[in-house]
């Protein structure tokens, strides 16, 4: 694999930062190589965080959709259960709490006849 192309650039850094870099890399090491590595690592981490944030948003959106579907399924099961119980026990007059039910649109809770 060939060497990466390099371009010369000039940046201005504080003396304190240069002293810290020199301590970190040791005598005779390349400041340019160190700074390039630090920037490369930073850019890679920034990209990783952006991907992770996007993935979390997708996961949360999927979880919201699943939760909505689960609530719909529970409402359907609730309505079905009360319909079945009501058919088997005529003294038990249950009305589903599901507002979508056309046969009992006024229902706001379960009513049990005595």
PDB file of N, CA and C in Angstrom:
ATOM      1  N   UNK A   1       0.852  -1.169   0.000  1.00  0.00           N
ATOM      2  CA  UNK A   1       0.000   0.000   0.000  1.00  0.00           C
ATOM      3  C   UNK A   1       0.896   1.229   0.000  1.00  0.00           C
ATOM      4  N   UNK A   2       0.580   2.206  -0.792  1.00  0.00           N
ATOM      5  CA  UNK A   2       1.400   3.405  -0.924  1.00  0.00           C
ATOM      6  C   UNK A   2       1.243   4.341   0.245  1.00  0.00           C
ATOM      7  N   UNK A   3       2.180   5.252   0.369  1.00  0.00           N
ATOM      8  CA  UNK A   3       2.125   6.259   1.413  1.00  0.00           C
ATOM      9  C   UNK A   3       0.991   7.237   1.135  1.00  0.00           C
ATOM     10  N   UNK A   4       0.360   7.710   2.169  1.00  0.00           N
ATOM     11  CA  UNK A   4      -0.699   8.702   1.994  1.00  0.00           C
ATOM     12  C   UNK A   4      -0.076  10.019   1.588  1.00  0.00           C
ATOM     13  N   UNK A   5      -0.791  10.714   0.720  1.00  0.00           N
ATOM     14  CA  UNK A   5      -0.307  12.040   0.322  1.00  0.00           C
ATOM     15  C   UNK A   5      -0.409  12.984   1.500  1.00  0.00           C
ATOM     16  N   UNK A   6       0.541  13.812   1.656  1.00  0.00           N
ATOM     17  CA  UNK A   6       0.558  14.783   2.739  1.00  0.00           C
ATOM     18  C   UNK A   6       0.569  16.178   2.129  1.00  0.00           C
ATOM     19  N   UNK A   7       0.013  17.112   2.875  1.00  0.00           N
ATOM     20  CA  UNK A   7       0.031  18.511   2.471  1.00  0.00           C
ATOM     21  C   UNK A   7       0.559  19.305   3.646  1.00  0.00           C
ATOM     22  N   UNK A   8       1.413  20.194   3.383  1.00  0.00           N
ATOM     23  CA  UNK A   8       1.984  21.027   4.437  1.00  0.00           C
ATOM     24  C   UNK A   8       0.979  22.115   4.799  1.00  0.00           C
ATOM     25  N   UNK A   9       0.833  22.329   6.094  1.00  0.00           N
ATOM     26  CA  UNK A   9      -0.061  23.370   6.582  1.00  0.00           C
ATOM     27  C   UNK A   9       0.605  24.030   7.783  1.00  0.00           C
ATOM     28  N   UNK A  10       0.143  25.163   8.118  1.00  0.00           N
ATOM     29  CA  UNK A  10       0.706  25.886   9.249  1.00  0.00           C
ATOM     30  C   UNK A  10      -0.403  26.158  10.247  1.00  0.00           C
ATOM     31  N   UNK A  11      -0.140  25.805  11.519  1.00  0.00           N
ATOM     32  CA  UNK A  11      -1.104  26.115  12.569  1.00  0.00           C
ATOM     33  C   UNK A  11      -0.361  26.815  13.701  1.00  0.00           C
ATOM     34  N   UNK A  12      -1.086  27.570  14.447  1.00  0.00           N
ATOM     35  CA  UNK A  12      -0.501  28.282  15.575  1.00  0.00           C
ATOM     36  C   UNK A  12      -1.044  27.672  16.851  1.00  0.00           C
ATOM     37  N   UNK A  13      -0.108  27.228  17.733  1.00  0.00           N
ATOM     38  CA  UNK A  13      -0.489  26.618  19.001  1.00  0.00           C
ATOM     39  C   UNK A  13       0.178  27.377  20.137  1.00  0.00           C
ATOM     40  N   UNK A  14      -0.415  27.345  21.285  1.00  0.00           N
ATOM     41  CA  UNK A  14       0.182  28.009  22.440  1.00  0.00           C
ATOM     42  C   UNK A  14       1.456  27.272  22.859  1.00  0.00           C
ATOM     43  N   UNK A  15       2.360  27.998  23.486  1.00  0.00           N
ATOM     44  CA  UNK A  15       3.616  27.417  23.961  1.00  0.00           C
ATOM     45  C   UNK A  15       3.314  26.323  24.995  1.00  0.00           C
ATOM     46  N   UNK A  16       2.332  26.556  25.866  1.00  0.00           N
ATOM     47  CA  UNK A  16       1.986  25.563  26.880  1.00  0.00           C
ATOM     48  C   UNK A  16       1.532  24.250  26.235  1.00  0.00           C
ATOM     49  N   UNK A  17       0.761  24.338  25.180  1.00  0.00           N
ATOM     50  CA  UNK A  17       0.305  23.139  24.482  1.00  0.00           C
ATOM     51  C   UNK A  17       1.479  22.415  23.826  1.00  0.00           C
ATOM     52  N   UNK A  18       2.389  23.162  23.213  1.00  0.00           N
ATOM     53  CA  UNK A  18       3.564  22.540  22.596  1.00  0.00           C
ATOM     54  C   UNK A  18       4.428  21.831  23.642  1.00  0.00           C
ATOM     55  N   UNK A  19       4.566  22.440  24.818  1.00  0.00           N
ATOM     56  CA  UNK A  19       5.336  21.808  25.898  1.00  0.00           C
ATOM     57  C   UNK A  19       4.673  20.492  26.308  1.00  0.00           C
ATOM     58  N   UNK A  20       3.344  20.504  26.446  1.00  0.00           N
ATOM     59  CA  UNK A  20       2.622  19.276  26.806  1.00  0.00           C
ATOM     60  C   UNK A  20       2.787  18.204  25.727  1.00  0.00           C
ATOM     61  N   UNK A  21       2.699  18.600  24.467  1.00  0.00           N
ATOM     62  CA  UNK A  21       2.868  17.649  23.367  1.00  0.00           C
ATOM     63  C   UNK A  21       4.275  17.058  23.403  1.00  0.00           C
ATOM     64  N   UNK A  22       5.274  17.902  23.580  1.00  0.00           N
ATOM     65  CA  UNK A  22       6.660  17.418  23.621  1.00  0.00           C
ATOM     66  C   UNK A  22       6.865  16.437  24.772  1.00  0.00           C
ATOM     67  N   UNK A  23       6.271  16.705  25.935  1.00  0.00           N
ATOM     68  CA  UNK A  23       6.366  15.777  27.065  1.00  0.00           C
ATOM     69  C   UNK A  23       5.686  14.451  26.736  1.00  0.00           C
ATOM     70  N   UNK A  24       4.566  14.538  26.059  1.00  0.00           N
ATOM     71  CA  UNK A  24       3.776  13.351  25.730  1.00  0.00           C
ATOM     72  C   UNK A  24       4.503  12.457  24.725  1.00  0.00           C
ATOM     73  N   UNK A  25       5.077  13.052  23.709  1.00  0.00           N
ATOM     74  CA  UNK A  25       5.647  12.240  22.630  1.00  0.00           C
ATOM     75  C   UNK A  25       7.107  11.891  22.864  1.00  0.00           C
ATOM     76  N   UNK A  26       7.769  12.630  23.707  1.00  0.00           N
ATOM     77  CA  UNK A  26       9.182  12.339  23.972  1.00  0.00           C
ATOM     78  C   UNK A  26      10.099  13.030  22.980  1.00  0.00           C
ATOM     79  N   UNK A  27      11.387  13.038  23.341  1.00  0.00           N
ATOM     80  CA  UNK A  27      12.392  13.732  22.532  1.00  0.00           C
ATOM     81  C   UNK A  27      12.595  13.024  21.195  1.00  0.00           C
ATOM     82  N   UNK A  28      12.690  13.819  20.165  1.00  0.00           N
ATOM     83  CA  UNK A  28      12.988  13.285  18.839  1.00  0.00           C
ATOM     84  C   UNK A  28      11.774  12.798  18.060  1.00  0.00           C
ATOM     85  N   UNK A  29      10.601  12.726  18.702  1.00  0.00           N
ATOM     86  CA  UNK A  29       9.405  12.270  18.003  1.00  0.00           C
ATOM     87  C   UNK A  29       8.820  13.416  17.180  1.00  0.00           C
ATOM     88  N   UNK A  30       7.967  13.064  16.258  1.00  0.00           N
ATOM     89  CA  UNK A  30       7.391  14.043  15.335  1.00  0.00           C
ATOM     90  C   UNK A  30       6.108  14.646  15.904  1.00  0.00           C
ATOM     91  N   UNK A  31       6.135  15.951  16.096  1.00  0.00           N
ATOM     92  CA  UNK A  31       4.912  16.637  16.512  1.00  0.00           C
ATOM     93  C   UNK A  31       3.815  16.442  15.461  1.00  0.00           C
ATOM     94  N   UNK A  32       4.207  16.570  14.209  1.00  0.00           N
ATOM     95  CA  UNK A  32       3.223  16.448  13.124  1.00  0.00           C
ATOM     96  C   UNK A  32       2.527  15.087  13.164  1.00  0.00           C
ATOM     97  N   UNK A  33       3.307  14.022  13.340  1.00  0.00           N
ATOM     98  CA  UNK A  33       2.726  12.677  13.377  1.00  0.00           C
ATOM     99  C   UNK A  33       1.772  12.540  14.566  1.00  0.00           C
ATOM    100  N   UNK A  34       2.192  13.072  15.718  1.00  0.00           N
ATOM    101  CA  UNK A  34       1.354  12.996  16.917  1.00  0.00           C
ATOM    102  C   UNK A  34       0.053  13.774  16.720  1.00  0.00           C
ATOM    103  N   UNK A  35       0.171  14.994  16.236  1.00  0.00           N
ATOM    104  CA  UNK A  35      -1.026  15.825  16.027  1.00  0.00           C
ATOM    105  C   UNK A  35      -1.943  15.178  14.995  1.00  0.00           C
ATOM    106  N   UNK A  36      -1.381  14.606  13.950  1.00  0.00           N
ATOM    107  CA  UNK A  36      -2.195  13.926  12.938  1.00  0.00           C
ATOM    108  C   UNK A  36      -2.936  12.741  13.560  1.00  0.00           C
ATOM    109  N   UNK A  37      -2.249  11.956  14.402  1.00  0.00           N
ATOM    110  CA  UNK A  37      -2.890  10.809  15.059  1.00  0.00           C
ATOM    111  C   UNK A  37      -4.026  11.274  15.975  1.00  0.00           C
ATOM    112  N   UNK A  38      -3.760  12.325  16.764  1.00  0.00           N
ATOM    113  CA  UNK A  38      -4.781  12.840  17.682  1.00  0.00           C
ATOM    114  C   UNK A  38      -6.004  13.322  16.890  1.00  0.00           C
ATOM    115  N   UNK A  39      -5.781  14.038  15.813  1.00  0.00           N
ATOM    116  CA  UNK A  39      -6.900  14.523  14.993  1.00  0.00           C
ATOM    117  C   UNK A  39      -7.654  13.363  14.338  1.00  0.00           C
ATOM    118  N   UNK A  40      -6.913  12.395  13.847  1.00  0.00           N
ATOM    119  CA  UNK A  40      -7.543  11.222  13.220  1.00  0.00           C
ATOM    120  C   UNK A  40      -8.412  10.479  14.244  1.00  0.00           C
ATOM    121  N   UNK A  41      -7.871  10.271  15.455  1.00  0.00           N
ATOM    122  CA  UNK A  41      -8.631   9.613  16.516  1.00  0.00           C
ATOM    123  C   UNK A  41      -9.888  10.411  16.871  1.00  0.00           C
ATOM    124  N   UNK A  42      -9.721  11.736  16.969  1.00  0.00           N
ATOM    125  CA  UNK A  42     -10.861  12.593  17.296  1.00  0.00           C
ATOM    126  C   UNK A  42     -11.946  12.507  16.215  1.00  0.00           C
ATOM    127  N   UNK A  43     -11.547  12.568  14.963  1.00  0.00           N
ATOM    128  CA  UNK A  43     -12.523  12.497  13.872  1.00  0.00           C
ATOM    129  C   UNK A  43     -13.223  11.135  13.850  1.00  0.00           C
ATOM    130  N   UNK A  44     -12.483  10.071  14.089  1.00  0.00           N
ATOM    131  CA  UNK A  44     -13.063   8.730  14.131  1.00  0.00           C
ATOM    132  C   UNK A  44     -14.072   8.628  15.274  1.00  0.00           C
ATOM    133  N   UNK A  45     -13.725   9.162  16.442  1.00  0.00           N
ATOM    134  CA  UNK A  45     -14.625   9.133  17.597  1.00  0.00           C
ATOM    135  C   UNK A  45     -15.873   9.979  17.340  1.00  0.00           C
ATOM    136  N   UNK A  46     -15.705  11.135  16.732  1.00  0.00           N
ATOM    137  CA  UNK A  46     -16.842  11.993  16.400  1.00  0.00           C
ATOM    138  C   UNK A  46     -17.793  11.273  15.443  1.00  0.00           C
ATOM    139  N   UNK A  47     -17.241  10.596  14.450  1.00  0.00           N
ATOM    140  CA  UNK A  47     -18.063   9.843  13.494  1.00  0.00           C
ATOM    141  C   UNK A  47     -18.767   8.680  14.196  1.00  0.00           C
ATOM    142  N   UNK A  48     -18.056   7.983  15.092  1.00  0.00           N
ATOM    143  CA  UNK A  48     -18.641   6.867  15.826  1.00  0.00           C
ATOM    144  C   UNK A  48     -19.813   7.352  16.680  1.00  0.00           C
ATOM    145  N   UNK A  49     -19.645   8.497  17.340  1.00  0.00           N
ATOM    146  CA  UNK A  49     -20.715   9.053  18.170  1.00  0.00           C
ATOM    147  C   UNK A  49     -21.923   9.451  17.329  1.00  0.00           C
ATOM    148  N   UNK A  50     -21.678  10.005  16.152  1.00  0.00           N
ATOM    149  CA  UNK A  50     -22.789  10.387  15.263  1.00  0.00           C
ATOM    150  C   UNK A  50     -23.556   9.147  14.816  1.00  0.00           C
ATOM    151  N   UNK A  51     -22.839   8.089  14.484  1.00  0.00           N
ATOM    152  CA  UNK A  51     -23.491   6.839  14.068  1.00  0.00           C
ATOM    153  C   UNK A  51     -24.280   6.260  15.238  1.00  0.00           C
ATOM    154  N   UNK A  52     -23.675   6.270  16.421  1.00  0.00           N
ATOM    155  CA  UNK A  52     -24.349   5.756  17.608  1.00  0.00           C
ATOM    156  C   UNK A  52     -25.605   6.568  17.914  1.00  0.00           C
ATOM    157  N   UNK A  53     -25.537   7.876  17.785  1.00  0.00           N
ATOM    158  CA  UNK A  53     -26.706   8.727  18.016  1.00  0.00           C
ATOM    159  C   UNK A  53     -27.811   8.409  17.014  1.00  0.00           C
ATOM    160  N   UNK A  54     -27.443   8.265  15.745  1.00  0.00           N
ATOM    161  CA  UNK A  54     -28.435   7.918  14.714  1.00  0.00           C
ATOM    162  C   UNK A  54     -29.057   6.562  15.015  1.00  0.00           C
ATOM    163  N   UNK A  55     -28.221   5.577  15.395  1.00  0.00           N
ATOM    164  CA  UNK A  55     -28.733   4.246  15.713  1.00  0.00           C
ATOM    165  C   UNK A  55     -29.690   4.292  16.900  1.00  0.00           C
ATOM    166  N   UNK A  56     -29.350   5.081  17.924  1.00  0.00           N
ATOM    167  CA  UNK A  56     -30.230   5.192  19.090  1.00  0.00           C
ATOM    168  C   UNK A  56     -31.569   5.820  18.703  1.00  0.00           C
ATOM    169  N   UNK A  57     -31.537   6.802  17.825  1.00  0.00           N
ATOM    170  CA  UNK A  57     -32.787   7.413  17.364  1.00  0.00           C
ATOM    171  C   UNK A  57     -33.633   6.397  16.605  1.00  0.00           C
ATOM    172  N   UNK A  58     -32.992   5.575  15.768  1.00  0.00           N
ATOM    173  CA  UNK A  58     -33.726   4.539  15.029  1.00  0.00           C
ATOM    174  C   UNK A  58     -34.291   3.487  15.974  1.00  0.00           C
ATOM    175  N   UNK A  59     -33.494   3.077  16.955  1.00  0.00           N
ATOM    176  CA  UNK A  59     -33.955   2.080  17.928  1.00  0.00           C
ATOM    177  C   UNK A  59     -35.120   2.633  18.732  1.00  0.00           C
ATOM    178  N   UNK A  60     -35.017   3.881  19.179  1.00  0.00           N
ATOM    179  CA  UNK A  60     -36.094   4.490  19.957  1.00  0.00           C
ATOM    180  C   UNK A  60     -37.364   4.635  19.128  1.00  0.00           C
ATOM    181  N   UNK A  61     -37.221   4.994  17.858  1.00  0.00           N
ATOM    182  CA  UNK A  61     -38.396   5.109  16.982  1.00  0.00           C
ATOM    183  C   UNK A  61     -39.053   3.744  16.800  1.00  0.00           C
ATOM    184  N   UNK A  62     -38.244   2.710  16.609  1.00  0.00           N
ATOM    185  CA  UNK A  62     -38.777   1.352  16.459  1.00  0.00           C
ATOM    186  C   UNK A  62     -39.460   0.907  17.749  1.00  0.00           C
ATOM    187  N   UNK A  63     -38.854   1.227  18.888  1.00  0.00           N
ATOM    188  CA  UNK A  63     -39.456   0.866  20.179  1.00  0.00           C
ATOM    189  C   UNK A  63     -40.788   1.581  20.369  1.00  0.00           C
ATOM    190  N   UNK A  64     -40.874   2.838  19.954  1.00  0.00           N
ATOM    191  CA  UNK A  64     -42.141   3.573  20.049  1.00  0.00           C
ATOM    192  C   UNK A  64     -43.205   2.902  19.199  1.00  0.00           C
ATOM    193  N   UNK A  65     -42.819   2.499  17.974  1.00  0.00           N
ATOM    194  CA  UNK A  65     -43.794   1.812  17.101  1.00  0.00           C
ATOM    195  C   UNK A  65     -44.225   0.487  17.711  1.00  0.00           C
ATOM    196  N   UNK A  66     -43.278  -0.259  18.284  1.00  0.00           N
ATOM    197  CA  UNK A  66     -43.618  -1.531  18.919  1.00  0.00           C
ATOM    198  C   UNK A  66     -44.527  -1.308  20.116  1.00  0.00           C
ATOM    199  N   UNK A  67     -44.255  -0.277  20.884  1.00  0.00           N
ATOM    200  CA  UNK A  67     -45.093   0.024  22.038  1.00  0.00           C
ATOM    201  C   UNK A  67     -46.513   0.353  21.598  1.00  0.00           C
ATOM    202  N   UNK A  68     -46.636   1.154  20.522  1.00  0.00           N
ATOM    203  CA  UNK A  68     -47.968   1.476  20.001  1.00  0.00           C
ATOM    204  C   UNK A  68     -48.686   0.203  19.561  1.00  0.00           C
ATOM    205  N   UNK A  69     -47.962  -0.687  18.868  1.00  0.00           N
ATOM    206  CA  UNK A  69     -48.567  -1.942  18.407  1.00  0.00           C
ATOM    207  C   UNK A  69     -48.942  -2.819  19.598  1.00  0.00           C
ATOM    208  N   UNK A  70     -48.105  -2.835  20.626  1.00  0.00           N
ATOM    209  CA  UNK A  70     -48.408  -3.631  21.816  1.00  0.00           C
ATOM    210  C   UNK A  70     -49.656  -3.096  22.504  1.00  0.00           C
ATOM    211  N   UNK A  71     -49.780  -1.772  22.602  1.00  0.00           N
ATOM    212  CA  UNK A  71     -50.981  -1.187  23.210  1.00  0.00           C
ATOM    213  C   UNK A  71     -52.224  -1.532  22.402  1.00  0.00           C
ATOM    214  N   UNK A  72     -52.111  -1.475  21.067  1.00  0.00           N
ATOM    215  CA  UNK A  72     -53.241  -1.840  20.213  1.00  0.00           C
ATOM    216  C   UNK A  72     -53.632  -3.299  20.435  1.00  0.00           C
ATOM    217  N   UNK A  73     -52.624  -4.171  20.517  1.00  0.00           N
ATOM    218  CA  UNK A  73     -52.887  -5.599  20.717  1.00  0.00           C
ATOM    219  C   UNK A  73     -53.553  -5.835  22.071  1.00  0.00           C
ATOM    220  N   UNK A  74     -53.084  -5.139  23.106  1.00  0.00           N
ATOM    221  CA  UNK A  74     -53.690  -5.308  24.432  1.00  0.00           C
ATOM    222  C   UNK A  74     -55.128  -4.809  24.451  1.00  0.00           C
ATOM    223  N   UNK A  75     -55.394  -3.709  23.782  1.00  0.00           N
ATOM    224  CA  UNK A  75     -56.775  -3.217  23.717  1.00  0.00           C
ATOM    225  C   UNK A  75     -57.667  -4.213  22.985  1.00  0.00           C
ATOM    226  N   UNK A  76     -57.140  -4.793  21.904  1.00  0.00           N
ATOM    227  CA  UNK A  76     -57.905  -5.787  21.155  1.00  0.00           C
ATOM    228  C   UNK A  76     -58.168  -7.008  22.034  1.00  0.00           C
ATOM    229  N   UNK A  77     -57.136  -7.482  22.745  1.00  0.00           N
ATOM    230  CA  UNK A  77     -57.304  -8.649  23.618  1.00  0.00           C
ATOM    231  C   UNK A  77     -58.290  -8.342  24.738  1.00  0.00           C
ATOM    232  N   UNK A  78     -58.230  -7.131  25.260  1.00  0.00           N
ATOM    233  CA  UNK A  78     -59.144  -6.721  26.321  1.00  0.00           C
ATOM    234  C   UNK A  78     -60.588  -6.778  25.815  1.00  0.00           C
ATOM    235  N   UNK A  79     -60.825  -6.211  24.654  1.00  0.00           N
ATOM    236  CA  UNK A  79     -62.171  -6.202  24.077  1.00  0.00           C
ATOM    237  C   UNK A  79     -62.641  -7.625  23.802  1.00  0.00           C
ATOM    238  N   UNK A  80     -61.765  -8.453  23.266  1.00  0.00           N
ATOM    239  CA  UNK A  80     -62.110  -9.842  22.961  1.00  0.00           C
ATOM    240  C   UNK A  80     -62.420 -10.605  24.240  1.00  0.00           C
ATOM    241  N   UNK A  81     -61.605 -10.404  25.272  1.00  0.00           N
ATOM    242  CA  UNK A  81     -61.818 -11.089  26.557  1.00  0.00           C
ATOM    243  C   UNK A  81     -63.188 -10.738  27.132  1.00  0.00           C
ATOM    244  N   UNK A  82     -63.495  -9.440  27.162  1.00  0.00           N
ATOM    245  CA  UNK A  82     -64.772  -9.036  27.742  1.00  0.00           C
ATOM    246  C   UNK A  82     -65.941  -9.536  26.903  1.00  0.00           C
ATOM    247  N   UNK A  83     -65.784  -9.591  25.599  1.00  0.00           N
ATOM    248  CA  UNK A  83     -66.836 -10.149  24.748  1.00  0.00           C
ATOM    249  C   UNK A  83     -67.044 -11.624  25.058  1.00  0.00           C
ATOM    250  N   UNK A  84     -65.971 -12.378  25.230  1.00  0.00           N
ATOM    251  CA  UNK A  84     -66.074 -13.808  25.525  1.00  0.00           C
ATOM    252  C   UNK A  84     -66.660 -14.050  26.904  1.00  0.00           C
ATOM    253  N   UNK A  85     -66.224 -13.300  27.899  1.00  0.00           N
ATOM    254  CA  UNK A  85     -66.747 -13.460  29.257  1.00  0.00           C
ATOM    255  C   UNK A  85     -68.225 -13.116  29.272  1.00  0.00           C
ATOM    256  N   UNK A  86     -68.592 -12.051  28.592  1.00  0.00           N
ATOM    257  CA  UNK A  86     -69.994 -11.643  28.546  1.00  0.00           C
ATOM    258  C   UNK A  86     -70.866 -12.694  27.881  1.00  0.00           C
ATOM    259  N   UNK A  87     -70.361 -13.382  26.852  1.00  0.00           N
ATOM    260  CA  UNK A  87     -71.133 -14.419  26.178  1.00  0.00           C
ATOM    261  C   UNK A  87     -71.322 -15.645  27.066  1.00  0.00           C
ATOM    262  N   UNK A  88     -70.341 -15.981  27.891  1.00  0.00           N
ATOM    263  CA  UNK A  88     -70.404 -17.185  28.720  1.00  0.00           C
ATOM    264  C   UNK A  88     -71.198 -16.953  30.009  1.00  0.00           C
ATOM    265  N   UNK A  89     -71.186 -15.748  30.520  1.00  0.00           N
ATOM    266  CA  UNK A  89     -71.848 -15.437  31.788  1.00  0.00           C
ATOM    267  C   UNK A  89     -72.779 -14.240  31.574  1.00  0.00           C
ATOM    268  N   UNK A  90     -74.059 -14.488  31.314  1.00  0.00           N
ATOM    269  CA  UNK A  90     -74.980 -13.390  31.011  1.00  0.00           C
ATOM    270  C   UNK A  90     -75.123 -12.384  32.149  1.00  0.00           C
ATOM    271  N   UNK A  91     -74.825 -12.778  33.393  1.00  0.00           N
ATOM    272  CA  UNK A  91     -74.945 -11.825  34.493  1.00  0.00           C
ATOM    273  C   UNK A  91     -73.762 -10.867  34.532  1.00  0.00           C
ATOM    274  N   UNK A  92     -72.733 -11.163  33.753  1.00  0.00           N
ATOM    275  CA  UNK A  92     -71.530 -10.327  33.706  1.00  0.00           C
ATOM    276  C   UNK A  92     -71.611  -9.453  32.474  1.00  0.00           C
ATOM    277  N   UNK A  93     -71.960  -8.176  32.649  1.00  0.00           N
ATOM    278  CA  UNK A  93     -72.127  -7.261  31.534  1.00  0.00           C
ATOM    279  C   UNK A  93     -70.917  -6.335  31.467  1.00  0.00           C
ATOM    280  N   UNK A  94     -69.880  -6.799  30.773  1.00  0.00           N
ATOM    281  CA  UNK A  94     -68.648  -6.013  30.688  1.00  0.00           C
ATOM    282  C   UNK A  94     -68.619  -5.238  29.384  1.00  0.00           C
ATOM    283  N   UNK A  95     -68.072  -4.044  29.461  1.00  0.00           N
ATOM    284  CA  UNK A  95     -67.892  -3.194  28.289  1.00  0.00           C
ATOM    285  C   UNK A  95     -66.405  -2.888  28.187  1.00  0.00           C
ATOM    286  N   UNK A  96     -65.859  -3.016  27.006  1.00  0.00           N
ATOM    287  CA  UNK A  96     -64.425  -2.772  26.813  1.00  0.00           C
ATOM    288  C   UNK A  96     -64.075  -1.315  27.070  1.00  0.00           C
ATOM    289  N   UNK A  97     -62.854  -1.089  27.539  1.00  0.00           N
ATOM    290  CA  UNK A  97     -62.381   0.278  27.735  1.00  0.00           C
ATOM    291  C   UNK A  97     -61.834   0.874  26.444  1.00  0.00           C
ATOM    292  N   UNK A  98     -61.833   0.095  25.396  1.00  0.00           N
ATOM    293  CA  UNK A  98     -61.289   0.571  24.132  1.00  0.00           C
ATOM    294  C   UNK A  98     -62.240   1.582  23.499  1.00  0.00           C
ATOM    295  N   UNK A  99     -61.782   2.834  23.261  1.00  0.00           N
ATOM    296  CA  UNK A  99     -62.677   3.841  22.690  1.00  0.00           C
ATOM    297  C   UNK A  99     -63.004   3.582  21.224  1.00  0.00           C
ATOM    298  N   UNK A 100     -62.277   2.687  20.562  1.00  0.00           N
ATOM    299  CA  UNK A 100     -62.525   2.422  19.148  1.00  0.00           C
ATOM    300  C   UNK A 100     -63.724   1.492  18.932  1.00  0.00           C
ATOM    301  N   UNK A 101     -64.203   0.877  20.004  1.00  0.00           N
ATOM    302  CA  UNK A 101     -65.303  -0.066  19.865  1.00  0.00           C
ATOM    303  C   UNK A 101     -66.552   0.658  19.376  1.00  0.00           C
ATOM    304  N   UNK A 102     -67.089   0.239  18.237  1.00  0.00           N
ATOM    305  CA  UNK A 102     -68.275   0.886  17.683  1.00  0.00           C
ATOM    306  C   UNK A 102     -69.541   0.496  18.443  1.00  0.00           C
ATOM    307  N   UNK A 103     -69.554  -0.722  19.036  1.00  0.00           N
ATOM    308  CA  UNK A 103     -70.759  -1.172  19.712  1.00  0.00           C
ATOM    309  C   UNK A 103     -70.937  -0.507  21.079  1.00  0.00           C
ATOM    310  N   UNK A 104     -69.856   0.099  21.642  1.00  0.00           N
ATOM    311  CA  UNK A 104     -69.954   0.803  22.919  1.00  0.00           C
ATOM    312  C   UNK A 104     -69.047   2.028  22.907  1.00  0.00           C
ATOM    313  N   UNK A 105     -69.322   3.011  22.037  1.00  0.00           N
ATOM    314  CA  UNK A 105     -68.425   4.162  21.944  1.00  0.00           C
ATOM    315  C   UNK A 105     -68.413   5.025  23.204  1.00  0.00           C
ATOM    316  N   UNK A 106     -69.472   4.921  24.024  1.00  0.00           N
ATOM    317  CA  UNK A 106     -69.540   5.751  25.222  1.00  0.00           C
ATOM    318  C   UNK A 106     -68.756   5.163  26.387  1.00  0.00           C
ATOM    319  N   UNK A 107     -68.275   3.951  26.241  1.00  0.00           N
ATOM    320  CA  UNK A 107     -67.629   3.255  27.352  1.00  0.00           C
ATOM    321  C   UNK A 107     -66.346   3.953  27.776  1.00  0.00           C
ATOM    322  N   UNK A 108     -66.252   4.217  29.060  1.00  0.00           N
ATOM    323  CA  UNK A 108     -65.016   4.806  29.594  1.00  0.00           C
ATOM    324  C   UNK A 108     -64.386   3.858  30.603  1.00  0.00           C
ATOM    325  N   UNK A 109     -64.994   2.761  30.872  1.00  0.00           N
ATOM    326  CA  UNK A 109     -64.459   1.807  31.836  1.00  0.00           C
ATOM    327  C   UNK A 109     -65.272   0.532  31.780  1.00  0.00           C
ATOM    328  N   UNK A 110     -64.961  -0.341  32.642  1.00  0.00           N
ATOM    329  CA  UNK A 110     -65.655  -1.627  32.702  1.00  0.00           C
ATOM    330  C   UNK A 110     -66.841  -1.496  33.647  1.00  0.00           C
ATOM    331  N   UNK A 111     -67.999  -1.924  33.164  1.00  0.00           N
ATOM    332  CA  UNK A 111     -69.201  -1.920  34.002  1.00  0.00           C
ATOM    333  C   UNK A 111     -69.600  -3.366  34.246  1.00  0.00           C
ATOM    334  N   UNK A 112     -69.892  -3.684  35.479  1.00  0.00           N
ATOM    335  CA  UNK A 112     -70.315  -5.039  35.816  1.00  0.00           C
ATOM    336  C   UNK A 112     -71.706  -4.938  36.428  1.00  0.00           C
ATOM    337  N   UNK A 113     -72.646  -5.675  35.827  1.00  0.00           N
ATOM    338  CA  UNK A 113     -74.022  -5.646  36.332  1.00  0.00           C
ATOM    339  C   UNK A 113     -74.135  -6.568  37.538  1.00  0.00           C
ATOM    340  N   UNK A 114     -74.953  -6.170  38.519  1.00  0.00           N
ATOM    341  CA  UNK A 114     -75.128  -7.008  39.719  1.00  0.00           C
ATOM    342  C   UNK A 114     -76.237  -7.997  39.502  1.00  0.00           C
TER     343      UNK A 114
END
